[in-house]
Protein backbone atom coordinates (compact mmCIF):
# COMPACT_ATOMS: atom_id res chain seq x y z
CA MET A 1 102.23 72.34 110.28
CA ASP A 2 105.46 69.72 109.71
CA PRO A 3 107.88 70.02 113.15
CA GLU A 4 110.99 70.30 111.29
CA ARG A 5 109.98 73.25 109.28
CA ILE A 6 109.18 75.27 112.74
CA ALA A 7 112.23 73.88 113.57
CA GLU A 8 113.93 75.53 110.42
CA LEU A 9 112.02 78.67 110.58
CA GLU A 10 112.90 79.32 114.66
CA ALA A 11 116.77 77.91 113.89
CA LYS A 12 117.26 80.68 110.70
CA LEU A 13 115.67 83.39 112.82
CA GLU A 14 117.24 83.04 115.73
CA ALA A 15 120.50 82.96 113.82
CA LEU A 16 119.74 86.00 112.01
CA MET A 17 118.90 87.83 114.80
CA GLY A 18 122.03 86.53 116.54
CA GLU A 19 124.07 88.50 113.49
CA LEU A 20 121.57 91.53 114.06
CA GLY A 21 122.69 92.21 117.50
CA VAL A 22 119.49 91.36 119.63
CA GLY A 23 120.35 87.30 119.85
CA ASP A 24 119.33 87.71 123.30
CA ARG A 25 115.74 89.07 122.64
CA ALA A 26 113.06 86.84 121.68
CA VAL A 27 109.92 87.10 119.12
CA THR A 28 106.66 85.63 118.72
CA VAL A 29 105.94 84.46 115.04
CA VAL A 30 102.55 83.73 114.61
CA LEU A 31 102.21 81.63 111.01
CA THR A 32 98.00 82.20 110.43
CA ASP A 33 95.91 82.43 106.90
CA ASP A 34 94.75 85.33 105.02
CA GLU A 35 91.23 85.15 106.97
CA ARG A 36 93.07 86.33 110.35
CA ILE A 37 95.66 88.33 108.61
CA ARG A 38 92.77 91.00 107.08
CA LYS A 39 91.02 91.10 110.35
CA LEU A 40 94.58 92.17 112.15
CA LYS A 41 95.12 94.73 109.75
CA ARG A 42 91.38 96.03 109.62
CA GLU A 43 91.87 96.10 112.96
CA HIS A 44 95.47 97.97 113.64
CA TRP A 45 95.52 99.60 110.22
CA GLY A 46 92.09 100.60 109.51
CA GLU A 47 92.37 98.15 105.37
CA ASP A 48 90.10 95.81 104.73
CA ALA A 49 92.46 93.56 103.08
CA ALA A 50 95.22 90.07 103.71
CA THR A 51 98.82 90.82 103.67
CA ASP A 52 101.84 88.91 103.84
CA VAL A 53 103.04 90.18 107.12
CA LEU A 54 102.23 92.18 109.77
CA SER A 55 104.37 93.60 113.12
CA PHE A 56 103.73 94.58 115.98
CA PRO A 57 106.26 96.09 118.29
CA THR A 58 106.02 95.66 122.04
CA TYR A 59 108.05 99.13 122.35
CA GLU A 60 108.53 102.04 120.93
CA PRO A 61 111.27 101.51 118.37
CA GLY A 62 114.65 104.23 119.68
CA ASP A 63 113.44 104.10 123.36
CA PRO A 64 116.76 103.46 125.12
CA PHE A 65 115.09 100.38 126.99
CA MET A 66 115.24 97.32 124.67
CA PRO A 67 112.45 94.62 126.38
CA PRO A 68 113.57 90.57 126.12
CA HIS A 69 110.40 90.37 123.58
CA LEU A 70 110.37 93.16 120.54
CA GLY A 71 107.01 91.94 119.67
CA ASP A 72 104.75 89.73 117.14
CA ILE A 73 105.33 88.86 113.66
CA VAL A 74 102.54 87.82 111.93
CA ILE A 75 102.71 85.49 108.52
CA SER A 76 99.54 84.60 106.11
CA LEU A 77 100.67 80.96 104.90
CA ASP A 78 98.05 81.31 102.46
CA THR A 79 99.48 84.27 101.00
CA ALA A 80 103.08 83.22 101.41
CA ARG A 81 102.34 80.10 99.26
CA ARG A 82 101.16 82.39 96.73
CA GLN A 83 104.38 84.27 96.69
CA GLY A 84 106.40 81.47 96.92
CA GLU A 85 105.03 79.50 94.14
CA ALA A 86 104.88 82.76 92.25
CA ALA A 87 108.50 83.80 93.31
CA GLY A 88 109.78 80.21 92.26
CA HIS A 89 110.62 79.03 95.35
CA GLY A 90 107.75 77.67 97.53
CA LEU A 91 106.46 77.76 100.68
CA TRP A 92 109.03 77.97 103.39
CA PRO A 93 111.87 79.68 101.49
CA GLU A 94 108.92 82.32 101.82
CA VAL A 95 107.78 82.65 105.23
CA TRP A 96 111.76 82.84 106.14
CA THR A 97 111.91 85.58 104.23
CA LEU A 98 108.40 87.30 105.53
CA ALA A 99 110.16 86.23 108.94
CA ALA A 100 113.07 88.38 108.39
CA HIS A 101 110.89 91.50 107.00
CA GLY A 102 108.65 91.21 110.20
CA LEU A 103 111.67 91.64 112.11
CA TRP A 104 112.95 94.10 110.50
CA HIS A 105 110.34 96.27 111.42
CA LEU A 106 110.08 94.93 115.01
CA LEU A 107 113.90 96.80 114.75
CA GLY A 108 112.29 100.25 113.87
CA HIS A 109 112.57 99.54 109.86
CA ASP A 110 110.02 100.78 107.40
CA HIS A 111 110.25 100.92 103.95
CA THR A 112 109.15 104.14 102.72
CA THR A 113 111.76 104.69 100.16
CA GLU A 114 114.69 102.69 98.26
CA GLU A 115 117.17 103.33 100.29
CA GLU A 116 115.55 101.39 103.24
CA TRP A 117 114.43 98.57 101.19
CA GLN A 118 117.86 97.85 100.71
CA GLY A 119 117.86 96.90 104.59
CA PHE A 120 114.82 94.58 103.81
CA ARG A 121 116.39 93.05 100.71
CA ARG A 122 119.66 92.49 103.29
CA VAL A 123 117.72 90.65 106.21
CA GLN A 124 115.35 88.99 103.65
CA GLY A 125 118.44 87.07 101.12
CA ARG A 126 120.26 86.84 104.62
CA ILE A 127 117.66 84.14 105.95
CA GLN A 128 117.83 82.43 102.99
CA GLU A 129 121.33 81.43 103.63
CA LEU A 130 121.63 80.73 107.11
């Protein structure tokens, strides 16, 4: 894994977290493959399929106590590579998108409606600009 790309991901995510008012908090980002993310999705959601990103919060969103570590963001590089190529922007911009997506989930958001998707699109676009 390219250390410069990892540093860039860290910097973008830290900047986004600062803008979202959680710059004093931490997250863990795990970069893995389809096989591992499929196993995690099966174990935690009961779905036997790979996905692009999973989020595992360390607290219940809405709880008045927000811990220093917000949770884990797990990204499949296999899926990110395919999605990035299909979108025409490659692997790392897709990883940034997925990291922002996972962070937004850790902050208690979901995307069951078009209105909820707007927040995801906003943070996913913003991380590209940072």
